[in-house]
Amino acid sequence: MRKNNREFLIELFALLAITIVVHAIYTAVIRPRAEADMAVQQAAMLQDQGYVAPRSFWIVMKDWEQEACVILAAWAIVVMVMRSAATRRSRRLLERDYLHLPEGLRVLPEDSREYLRQVEALPPAEREQLLARSLHTALERFGATRSVQDASAAARNVCQMENERLDSELSMIRFVAWAIPAIGFIGTVRGIGDSLQQAHKAIEGDVSGVTAGLGVAFNSTLIALVLSIVVMFFMHQLQLLQERLVLDTENYVDDRLLRRLHVR
């Protein structure tokens, strides 16, 4: 529970920090440059009726829907990078030999207590990892039931629960991946609504209000879809990394422990 609370506080602090930084960039850089580009384009249109304004990155990014999408996408990527780092740390433990069992040695139920002490003597940070918990559960069950099948089932149950826990922790990332296009759609609706409000001016020959509203609609959709694709890519990479950790842990326990268990 303490670990979960600590992770929640870190992720919350990351969200606040990213919000402050992104909003500062928008206030100091993106919106001033967008206003400058819009002023230049409007002046050029007044001088030349056939002028075609180039697409400006600053204008595309200037609206609050894009800002919200950038904040959510950046936060989701930071969270996934932190979880990826934690998964890689857990994976490095698979390179170690915790039980030091010589090749060909058989482990009897009476020997399980000795190897349990080796696992229990690990530092607290390592005891909390999936590999140590799987080894501990398998040895404990084998010593209690004297059954290799029960030990194998117990170890696999630990891995299965860990896989489900990791998958459930991705629920917030999935929500963000859904929320980003939704925010983009809000910008689309808002832009189209602004365009319709300026329709009477278009009839009179002034189409600037209509084009500005349509620009908001299309730009917000464009940025939201691009960021959603990026977030989904990182999420699938993280999910693949976590699934491989669970599978490799099962293989480690099978190869280093379960196949050496023996009942007289």
C-alpha atoms as a PDB file:
ATOM      1  CA  MET A   1       0.000   0.000   0.000  1.00  0.00           C
ATOM      2  CA  ARG A   2       2.814   2.380   0.808  1.00  0.00           C
ATOM      3  CA  LYS A   3       4.400   1.638  -2.547  1.00  0.00           C
ATOM      4  CA  ASN A   4       1.125   2.352  -4.346  1.00  0.00           C
ATOM      5  CA  ASN A   5       0.665   5.615  -2.453  1.00  0.00           C
ATOM      6  CA  ARG A   6       4.207   6.656  -3.288  1.00  0.00           C
ATOM      7  CA  GLU A   7       3.696   5.894  -6.968  1.00  0.00           C
ATOM      8  CA  PHE A   8       0.398   7.814  -6.969  1.00  0.00           C
ATOM      9  CA  LEU A   9       2.045  10.871  -5.419  1.00  0.00           C
ATOM     10  CA  ILE A  10       4.905  10.746  -7.921  1.00  0.00           C
ATOM     11  CA  GLU A  11       2.489  10.507 -10.854  1.00  0.00           C
ATOM     12  CA  LEU A  12       0.354  13.333  -9.449  1.00  0.00           C
ATOM     13  CA  PHE A  13       3.426  15.533  -8.989  1.00  0.00           C
ATOM     14  CA  ALA A  14       4.493  14.707 -12.557  1.00  0.00           C
ATOM     15  CA  LEU A  15       1.068  15.779 -13.860  1.00  0.00           C
ATOM     16  CA  LEU A  16       1.226  19.078 -11.971  1.00  0.00           C
ATOM     17  CA  ALA A  17       4.784  19.766 -13.142  1.00  0.00           C
ATOM     18  CA  ILE A  18       3.956  18.954 -16.776  1.00  0.00           C
ATOM     19  CA  THR A  19       0.847  21.161 -16.633  1.00  0.00           C
ATOM     20  CA  ILE A  20       2.862  24.111 -15.319  1.00  0.00           C
ATOM     21  CA  VAL A  21       5.673  23.667 -17.858  1.00  0.00           C
ATOM     22  CA  VAL A  22       3.382  23.185 -20.873  1.00  0.00           C
ATOM     23  CA  HIS A  23       1.159  26.117 -19.905  1.00  0.00           C
ATOM     24  CA  ALA A  24       4.240  28.313 -19.456  1.00  0.00           C
ATOM     25  CA  ILE A  25       5.487  27.338 -22.918  1.00  0.00           C
ATOM     26  CA  TYR A  26       2.097  28.094 -24.426  1.00  0.00           C
ATOM     27  CA  THR A  27       1.897  31.455 -22.665  1.00  0.00           C
ATOM     28  CA  ALA A  28       5.456  32.556 -23.389  1.00  0.00           C
ATOM     29  CA  VAL A  29       6.133  31.024 -26.807  1.00  0.00           C
ATOM     30  CA  ILE A  30       3.357  29.309 -28.741  1.00  0.00           C
ATOM     31  CA  ARG A  31       0.453  31.774 -28.443  1.00  0.00           C
ATOM     32  CA  PRO A  32       2.558  34.956 -28.969  1.00  0.00           C
ATOM     33  CA  ARG A  33       4.125  33.437 -32.107  1.00  0.00           C
ATOM     34  CA  ALA A  34       0.730  32.252 -33.327  1.00  0.00           C
ATOM     35  CA  GLU A  35      -0.693  35.761 -32.930  1.00  0.00           C
ATOM     36  CA  ALA A  36       2.291  37.204 -34.793  1.00  0.00           C
ATOM     37  CA  ASP A  37       1.874  34.720 -37.663  1.00  0.00           C
ATOM     38  CA  MET A  38      -1.856  35.421 -37.853  1.00  0.00           C
ATOM     39  CA  ALA A  39      -1.220  39.160 -38.010  1.00  0.00           C
ATOM     40  CA  VAL A  40       1.286  38.691 -40.854  1.00  0.00           C
ATOM     41  CA  GLN A  41      -1.107  36.453 -42.767  1.00  0.00           C
ATOM     42  CA  GLN A  42      -4.042  38.829 -42.360  1.00  0.00           C
ATOM     43  CA  ALA A  43      -1.942  41.754 -43.601  1.00  0.00           C
ATOM     44  CA  ALA A  44      -0.824  39.716 -46.613  1.00  0.00           C
ATOM     45  CA  MET A  45      -4.434  38.772 -47.418  1.00  0.00           C
ATOM     46  CA  LEU A  46      -5.490  42.417 -47.368  1.00  0.00           C
ATOM     47  CA  GLN A  47      -2.787  43.307 -49.869  1.00  0.00           C
ATOM     48  CA  ASP A  48      -3.251  40.283 -52.125  1.00  0.00           C
ATOM     49  CA  GLN A  49      -6.649  38.621 -52.514  1.00  0.00           C
ATOM     50  CA  GLY A  50      -5.030  35.524 -54.040  1.00  0.00           C
ATOM     51  CA  TYR A  51      -2.596  35.024 -51.145  1.00  0.00           C
ATOM     52  CA  VAL A  52      -2.557  31.488 -49.744  1.00  0.00           C
ATOM     53  CA  ALA A  53      -1.400  31.412 -46.145  1.00  0.00           C
ATOM     54  CA  PRO A  54       1.148  28.683 -45.357  1.00  0.00           C
ATOM     55  CA  ARG A  55       0.405  26.286 -42.529  1.00  0.00           C
ATOM     56  CA  SER A  56       2.005  27.591 -39.341  1.00  0.00           C
ATOM     57  CA  PHE A  57       2.992  25.192 -36.580  1.00  0.00           C
ATOM     58  CA  TRP A  58       2.274  27.858 -33.960  1.00  0.00           C
ATOM     59  CA  ILE A  59      -1.240  28.483 -35.270  1.00  0.00           C
ATOM     60  CA  VAL A  60      -1.959  24.756 -35.418  1.00  0.00           C
ATOM     61  CA  MET A  61      -0.922  24.355 -31.764  1.00  0.00           C
ATOM     62  CA  LYS A  62      -2.336  27.545 -30.214  1.00  0.00           C
ATOM     63  CA  ASP A  63      -5.784  26.506 -28.935  1.00  0.00           C
ATOM     64  CA  TRP A  64      -6.560  25.183 -25.451  1.00  0.00           C
ATOM     65  CA  GLU A  65      -7.683  21.785 -26.776  1.00  0.00           C
ATOM     66  CA  GLN A  66      -4.210  21.192 -28.204  1.00  0.00           C
ATOM     67  CA  GLU A  67      -2.666  22.340 -24.933  1.00  0.00           C
ATOM     68  CA  ALA A  68      -4.788  19.867 -22.967  1.00  0.00           C
ATOM     69  CA  CYS A  69      -3.877  17.057 -25.367  1.00  0.00           C
ATOM     70  CA  VAL A  70      -0.171  17.843 -25.084  1.00  0.00           C
ATOM     71  CA  ILE A  71      -0.380  17.826 -21.271  1.00  0.00           C
ATOM     72  CA  LEU A  72      -2.164  14.464 -21.148  1.00  0.00           C
ATOM     73  CA  ALA A  73       0.098  12.872 -23.747  1.00  0.00           C
ATOM     74  CA  ALA A  74       3.282  14.092 -22.054  1.00  0.00           C
ATOM     75  CA  TRP A  75       2.060  12.873 -18.662  1.00  0.00           C
ATOM     76  CA  ALA A  76       1.086   9.463 -20.037  1.00  0.00           C
ATOM     77  CA  ILE A  77       4.481   9.053 -21.691  1.00  0.00           C
ATOM     78  CA  VAL A  78       6.322  10.053 -18.491  1.00  0.00           C
ATOM     79  CA  VAL A  79       4.287   7.546 -16.459  1.00  0.00           C
ATOM     80  CA  MET A  80       4.965   4.800 -19.006  1.00  0.00           C
ATOM     81  CA  VAL A  81       8.691   5.585 -19.015  1.00  0.00           C
ATOM     82  CA  MET A  82       8.772   5.267 -15.211  1.00  0.00           C
ATOM     83  CA  ARG A  83       6.901   1.965 -15.304  1.00  0.00           C
ATOM     84  CA  SER A  84       9.139   0.741 -18.102  1.00  0.00           C
ATOM     85  CA  ALA A  85      12.198   1.533 -15.985  1.00  0.00           C
ATOM     86  CA  ALA A  86      10.700  -0.388 -13.046  1.00  0.00           C
ATOM     87  CA  THR A  87       9.977  -3.363 -15.320  1.00  0.00           C
ATOM     88  CA  ARG A  88      13.543  -3.346 -16.633  1.00  0.00           C
ATOM     89  CA  ARG A  89      14.884  -3.324 -13.079  1.00  0.00           C
ATOM     90  CA  SER A  90      12.752  -6.370 -12.305  1.00  0.00           C
ATOM     91  CA  ARG A  91      13.953  -8.045 -15.480  1.00  0.00           C
ATOM     92  CA  ARG A  92      17.613  -7.615 -14.526  1.00  0.00           C
ATOM     93  CA  LEU A  93      16.964  -9.852 -11.510  1.00  0.00           C
ATOM     94  CA  LEU A  94      16.418 -12.767 -13.892  1.00  0.00           C
ATOM     95  CA  GLU A  95      20.152 -12.706 -14.609  1.00  0.00           C
ATOM     96  CA  ARG A  96      20.920 -13.666 -11.006  1.00  0.00           C
ATOM     97  CA  ASP A  97      20.954 -17.126  -9.446  1.00  0.00           C
ATOM     98  CA  TYR A  98      19.131 -16.785  -6.134  1.00  0.00           C
ATOM     99  CA  LEU A  99      19.075 -20.447  -5.063  1.00  0.00           C
ATOM    100  CA  HIS A 100      22.570 -21.538  -6.213  1.00  0.00           C
ATOM    101  CA  LEU A 101      21.426 -25.055  -7.006  1.00  0.00           C
ATOM    102  CA  PRO A 102      24.105 -27.221  -8.646  1.00  0.00           C
ATOM    103  CA  GLU A 103      23.095 -28.999 -11.847  1.00  0.00           C
ATOM    104  CA  GLY A 104      21.516 -32.352 -11.073  1.00  0.00           C
ATOM    105  CA  LEU A 105      20.735 -31.557  -7.435  1.00  0.00           C
ATOM    106  CA  ARG A 106      17.216 -32.527  -6.336  1.00  0.00           C
ATOM    107  CA  VAL A 107      15.337 -30.451  -3.766  1.00  0.00           C
ATOM    108  CA  LEU A 108      13.322 -32.425  -1.239  1.00  0.00           C
ATOM    109  CA  PRO A 109      10.433 -31.016   0.841  1.00  0.00           C
ATOM    110  CA  GLU A 110      12.720 -31.068   3.870  1.00  0.00           C
ATOM    111  CA  ASP A 111      15.184 -28.794   2.048  1.00  0.00           C
ATOM    112  CA  SER A 112      12.617 -26.121   1.175  1.00  0.00           C
ATOM    113  CA  ARG A 113      13.078 -24.256   4.481  1.00  0.00           C
ATOM    114  CA  GLU A 114      16.794 -23.775   3.795  1.00  0.00           C
ATOM    115  CA  TYR A 115      16.154 -22.231   0.384  1.00  0.00           C
ATOM    116  CA  LEU A 116      13.271 -20.181   1.755  1.00  0.00           C
ATOM    117  CA  ARG A 117      15.694 -18.518   4.144  1.00  0.00           C
ATOM    118  CA  GLN A 118      17.876 -17.520   1.196  1.00  0.00           C
ATOM    119  CA  VAL A 119      14.932 -15.776  -0.440  1.00  0.00           C
ATOM    120  CA  GLU A 120      13.815 -14.175   2.823  1.00  0.00           C
ATOM    121  CA  ALA A 121      17.333 -12.838   3.383  1.00  0.00           C
ATOM    122  CA  LEU A 122      17.124 -10.700   0.237  1.00  0.00           C
ATOM    123  CA  PRO A 123      16.860  -6.909   0.586  1.00  0.00           C
ATOM    124  CA  PRO A 124      13.237  -5.697   0.979  1.00  0.00           C
ATOM    125  CA  ALA A 125      13.241  -4.069  -2.466  1.00  0.00           C
ATOM    126  CA  GLU A 126      14.142  -7.396  -4.098  1.00  0.00           C
ATOM    127  CA  ARG A 127      11.728  -9.444  -1.978  1.00  0.00           C
ATOM    128  CA  GLU A 128       8.865  -7.350  -3.356  1.00  0.00           C
ATOM    129  CA  GLN A 129       9.755  -8.217  -6.956  1.00  0.00           C
ATOM    130  CA  LEU A 130       7.863 -10.856  -8.928  1.00  0.00           C
ATOM    131  CA  LEU A 131      10.752 -13.324  -9.130  1.00  0.00           C
ATOM    132  CA  ALA A 132      11.396 -13.439  -5.389  1.00  0.00           C
ATOM    133  CA  ARG A 133       7.683 -13.743  -4.615  1.00  0.00           C
ATOM    134  CA  SER A 134       7.298 -16.592  -7.109  1.00  0.00           C
ATOM    135  CA  LEU A 135      10.253 -18.510  -5.689  1.00  0.00           C
ATOM    136  CA  HIS A 136       9.103 -17.942  -2.118  1.00  0.00           C
ATOM    137  CA  THR A 137       5.543 -19.083  -2.826  1.00  0.00           C
ATOM    138  CA  ALA A 138       6.670 -22.196  -4.704  1.00  0.00           C
ATOM    139  CA  LEU A 139       9.102 -23.262  -1.977  1.00  0.00           C
ATOM    140  CA  GLU A 140       6.598 -22.541   0.773  1.00  0.00           C
ATOM    141  CA  ARG A 141       3.854 -24.541  -0.931  1.00  0.00           C
ATOM    142  CA  PHE A 142       6.222 -27.416  -1.714  1.00  0.00           C
ATOM    143  CA  GLY A 143       7.330 -27.636   1.912  1.00  0.00           C
ATOM    144  CA  ALA A 144       3.746 -27.562   3.174  1.00  0.00           C
ATOM    145  CA  THR A 145       2.098 -29.944   0.697  1.00  0.00           C
ATOM    146  CA  ARG A 146       5.042 -32.040  -0.503  1.00  0.00           C
ATOM    147  CA  SER A 147       3.544 -31.740  -3.981  1.00  0.00           C
ATOM    148  CA  VAL A 148       5.459 -30.521  -7.043  1.00  0.00           C
ATOM    149  CA  GLN A 149       2.182 -29.879  -8.832  1.00  0.00           C
ATOM    150  CA  ASP A 150       0.929 -27.637  -6.026  1.00  0.00           C
ATOM    151  CA  ALA A 151       4.212 -25.723  -6.000  1.00  0.00           C
ATOM    152  CA  SER A 152       4.013 -25.212  -9.764  1.00  0.00           C
ATOM    153  CA  ALA A 153       0.395 -24.054  -9.570  1.00  0.00           C
ATOM    154  CA  ALA A 154       1.216 -21.631  -6.739  1.00  0.00           C
ATOM    155  CA  ALA A 155       4.087 -20.056  -8.677  1.00  0.00           C
ATOM    156  CA  ARG A 156       1.934 -19.683 -11.775  1.00  0.00           C
ATOM    157  CA  ASN A 157      -0.862 -18.113  -9.742  1.00  0.00           C
ATOM    158  CA  VAL A 158       1.585 -15.471  -8.484  1.00  0.00           C
ATOM    159  CA  CYS A 159       2.667 -14.706 -12.051  1.00  0.00           C
ATOM    160  CA  GLN A 160      -0.926 -14.616 -13.254  1.00  0.00           C
ATOM    161  CA  MET A 161      -1.960 -12.191 -10.515  1.00  0.00           C
ATOM    162  CA  GLU A 162       1.040 -10.004 -11.300  1.00  0.00           C
ATOM    163  CA  ASN A 163       0.076  -9.970 -14.973  1.00  0.00           C
ATOM    164  CA  GLU A 164      -3.470  -8.929 -14.057  1.00  0.00           C
ATOM    165  CA  ARG A 165      -2.158  -6.235 -11.703  1.00  0.00           C
ATOM    166  CA  LEU A 166       0.115  -4.779 -14.374  1.00  0.00           C
ATOM    167  CA  ASP A 167      -2.727  -4.824 -16.869  1.00  0.00           C
ATOM    168  CA  SER A 168      -5.071  -3.038 -14.445  1.00  0.00           C
ATOM    169  CA  GLU A 169      -2.461  -0.339 -13.858  1.00  0.00           C
ATOM    170  CA  LEU A 170      -2.635   0.474 -17.564  1.00  0.00           C
ATOM    171  CA  SER A 171      -6.303   1.466 -17.234  1.00  0.00           C
ATOM    172  CA  MET A 172      -5.430   5.127 -16.635  1.00  0.00           C
ATOM    173  CA  ILE A 173      -3.157   5.144 -19.697  1.00  0.00           C
ATOM    174  CA  ARG A 174      -5.987   3.640 -21.755  1.00  0.00           C
ATOM    175  CA  PHE A 175      -8.309   6.360 -20.459  1.00  0.00           C
ATOM    176  CA  VAL A 176      -5.816   9.046 -21.511  1.00  0.00           C
ATOM    177  CA  ALA A 177      -5.459   7.442 -24.949  1.00  0.00           C
ATOM    178  CA  TRP A 178      -9.270   7.678 -25.260  1.00  0.00           C
ATOM    179  CA  ALA A 179      -9.537  11.166 -23.726  1.00  0.00           C
ATOM    180  CA  ILE A 180      -7.077  12.805 -26.139  1.00  0.00           C
ATOM    181  CA  PRO A 181      -9.209  12.202 -29.280  1.00  0.00           C
ATOM    182  CA  ALA A 182     -12.299  13.159 -27.254  1.00  0.00           C
ATOM    183  CA  ILE A 183     -10.742  16.535 -26.405  1.00  0.00           C
ATOM    184  CA  GLY A 184      -9.837  16.940 -30.072  1.00  0.00           C
ATOM    185  CA  PHE A 185     -13.468  16.288 -30.985  1.00  0.00           C
ATOM    186  CA  ILE A 186     -14.511  18.994 -28.513  1.00  0.00           C
ATOM    187  CA  GLY A 187     -12.272  21.385 -30.435  1.00  0.00           C
ATOM    188  CA  THR A 188     -13.903  20.228 -33.671  1.00  0.00           C
ATOM    189  CA  VAL A 189     -17.380  20.956 -32.342  1.00  0.00           C
ATOM    190  CA  ARG A 190     -16.282  24.314 -30.939  1.00  0.00           C
ATOM    191  CA  GLY A 191     -14.615  25.321 -34.204  1.00  0.00           C
ATOM    192  CA  ILE A 192     -17.626  24.365 -36.306  1.00  0.00           C
ATOM    193  CA  GLY A 193     -19.897  26.236 -33.897  1.00  0.00           C
ATOM    194  CA  ASP A 194     -17.758  29.379 -34.218  1.00  0.00           C
ATOM    195  CA  SER A 195     -17.876  29.049 -38.004  1.00  0.00           C
ATOM    196  CA  LEU A 196     -21.661  28.835 -38.029  1.00  0.00           C
ATOM    197  CA  GLN A 197     -21.873  31.955 -35.868  1.00  0.00           C
ATOM    198  CA  GLN A 198     -19.844  33.811 -38.491  1.00  0.00           C
ATOM    199  CA  ALA A 199     -21.856  32.481 -41.447  1.00  0.00           C
ATOM    200  CA  HIS A 200     -23.740  35.791 -41.925  1.00  0.00           C
ATOM    201  CA  LYS A 201     -20.425  37.597 -42.428  1.00  0.00           C
ATOM    202  CA  ALA A 202     -19.408  35.059 -45.065  1.00  0.00           C
ATOM    203  CA  ILE A 203     -22.541  35.930 -47.018  1.00  0.00           C
ATOM    204  CA  GLU A 204     -21.398  39.545 -46.955  1.00  0.00           C
ATOM    205  CA  GLY A 205     -17.983  38.522 -48.290  1.00  0.00           C
ATOM    206  CA  ASP A 206     -15.926  38.299 -45.084  1.00  0.00           C
ATOM    207  CA  VAL A 207     -14.931  34.668 -44.707  1.00  0.00           C
ATOM    208  CA  SER A 208     -12.160  35.217 -42.141  1.00  0.00           C
ATOM    209  CA  GLY A 209     -14.381  34.221 -39.208  1.00  0.00           C
ATOM    210  CA  VAL A 210     -15.530  31.029 -40.916  1.00  0.00           C
ATOM    211  CA  THR A 211     -12.013  30.008 -41.898  1.00  0.00           C
ATOM    212  CA  ALA A 212     -10.719  30.715 -38.385  1.00  0.00           C
ATOM    213  CA  GLY A 213     -13.405  28.492 -36.867  1.00  0.00           C
ATOM    214  CA  LEU A 214     -12.728  25.695 -39.337  1.00  0.00           C
ATOM    215  CA  GLY A 215      -9.025  26.048 -38.581  1.00  0.00           C
ATOM    216  CA  VAL A 216      -9.720  25.425 -34.893  1.00  0.00           C
ATOM    217  CA  ALA A 217     -11.827  22.374 -35.783  1.00  0.00           C
ATOM    218  CA  PHE A 218      -9.297  20.717 -38.088  1.00  0.00           C
ATOM    219  CA  ASN A 219      -6.190  21.639 -36.084  1.00  0.00           C
ATOM    220  CA  SER A 220      -7.512  20.239 -32.818  1.00  0.00           C
ATOM    221  CA  THR A 221      -8.510  16.988 -34.527  1.00  0.00           C
ATOM    222  CA  LEU A 222      -5.133  16.676 -36.235  1.00  0.00           C
ATOM    223  CA  ILE A 223      -3.071  17.162 -33.073  1.00  0.00           C
ATOM    224  CA  ALA A 224      -5.335  14.920 -30.982  1.00  0.00           C
ATOM    225  CA  LEU A 225      -5.115  12.018 -33.430  1.00  0.00           C
ATOM    226  CA  VAL A 226      -1.343  12.305 -33.794  1.00  0.00           C
ATOM    227  CA  LEU A 227      -0.792  12.376 -30.021  1.00  0.00           C
ATOM    228  CA  SER A 228      -3.217   9.500 -29.510  1.00  0.00           C
ATOM    229  CA  ILE A 229      -1.221   7.362 -31.939  1.00  0.00           C
ATOM    230  CA  VAL A 230       2.009   8.193 -30.087  1.00  0.00           C
ATOM    231  CA  VAL A 231       0.498   7.323 -26.689  1.00  0.00           C
ATOM    232  CA  MET A 232      -0.931   4.046 -27.989  1.00  0.00           C
ATOM    233  CA  PHE A 233       2.456   3.086 -29.442  1.00  0.00           C
ATOM    234  CA  PHE A 234       4.213   3.631 -26.113  1.00  0.00           C
ATOM    235  CA  MET A 235       1.435   1.818 -24.243  1.00  0.00           C
ATOM    236  CA  HIS A 236       1.702  -1.287 -26.413  1.00  0.00           C
ATOM    237  CA  GLN A 237       5.490  -1.308 -26.032  1.00  0.00           C
ATOM    238  CA  LEU A 238       5.127  -1.126 -22.248  1.00  0.00           C
ATOM    239  CA  GLN A 239       2.498  -3.866 -22.227  1.00  0.00           C
ATOM    240  CA  LEU A 240       4.756  -6.090 -24.327  1.00  0.00           C
ATOM    241  CA  LEU A 241       7.667  -5.481 -21.938  1.00  0.00           C
ATOM    242  CA  GLN A 242       5.547  -6.378 -18.910  1.00  0.00           C
ATOM    243  CA  GLU A 243       4.138  -9.534 -20.504  1.00  0.00           C
ATOM    244  CA  ARG A 244       7.638 -10.689 -21.378  1.00  0.00           C
ATOM    245  CA  LEU A 245       8.738 -10.130 -17.785  1.00  0.00           C
ATOM    246  CA  VAL A 246       5.950 -12.372 -16.486  1.00  0.00           C
ATOM    247  CA  LEU A 247       6.620 -15.114 -19.056  1.00  0.00           C
ATOM    248  CA  ASP A 248      10.378 -15.052 -18.465  1.00  0.00           C
ATOM    249  CA  THR A 249       9.801 -15.221 -14.707  1.00  0.00           C
ATOM    250  CA  GLU A 250       7.659 -18.327 -15.161  1.00  0.00           C
ATOM    251  CA  ASN A 251      10.398 -19.888 -17.292  1.00  0.00           C
ATOM    252  CA  TYR A 252      13.018 -18.964 -14.671  1.00  0.00           C
ATOM    253  CA  VAL A 253      11.056 -20.630 -11.870  1.00  0.00           C
ATOM    254  CA  ASP A 254      10.417 -23.720 -14.014  1.00  0.00           C
ATOM    255  CA  ASP A 255      14.050 -24.071 -15.046  1.00  0.00           C
ATOM    256  CA  ARG A 256      15.822 -23.079 -11.810  1.00  0.00           C
ATOM    257  CA  LEU A 257      13.451 -24.613  -9.241  1.00  0.00           C
ATOM    258  CA  LEU A 258      10.370 -26.596 -10.251  1.00  0.00           C
ATOM    259  CA  ARG A 259      12.103 -29.170 -12.433  1.00  0.00           C
ATOM    260  CA  ARG A 260      14.486 -29.907  -9.542  1.00  0.00           C
ATOM    261  CA  LEU A 261      11.826 -30.529  -6.931  1.00  0.00           C
ATOM    262  CA  HIS A 262      11.572 -34.187  -5.949  1.00  0.00           C
ATOM    263  CA  VAL A 263       9.397 -36.173  -3.561  1.00  0.00           C
ATOM    264  CA  ARG A 264      10.664 -39.497  -2.216  1.00  0.00           C
END
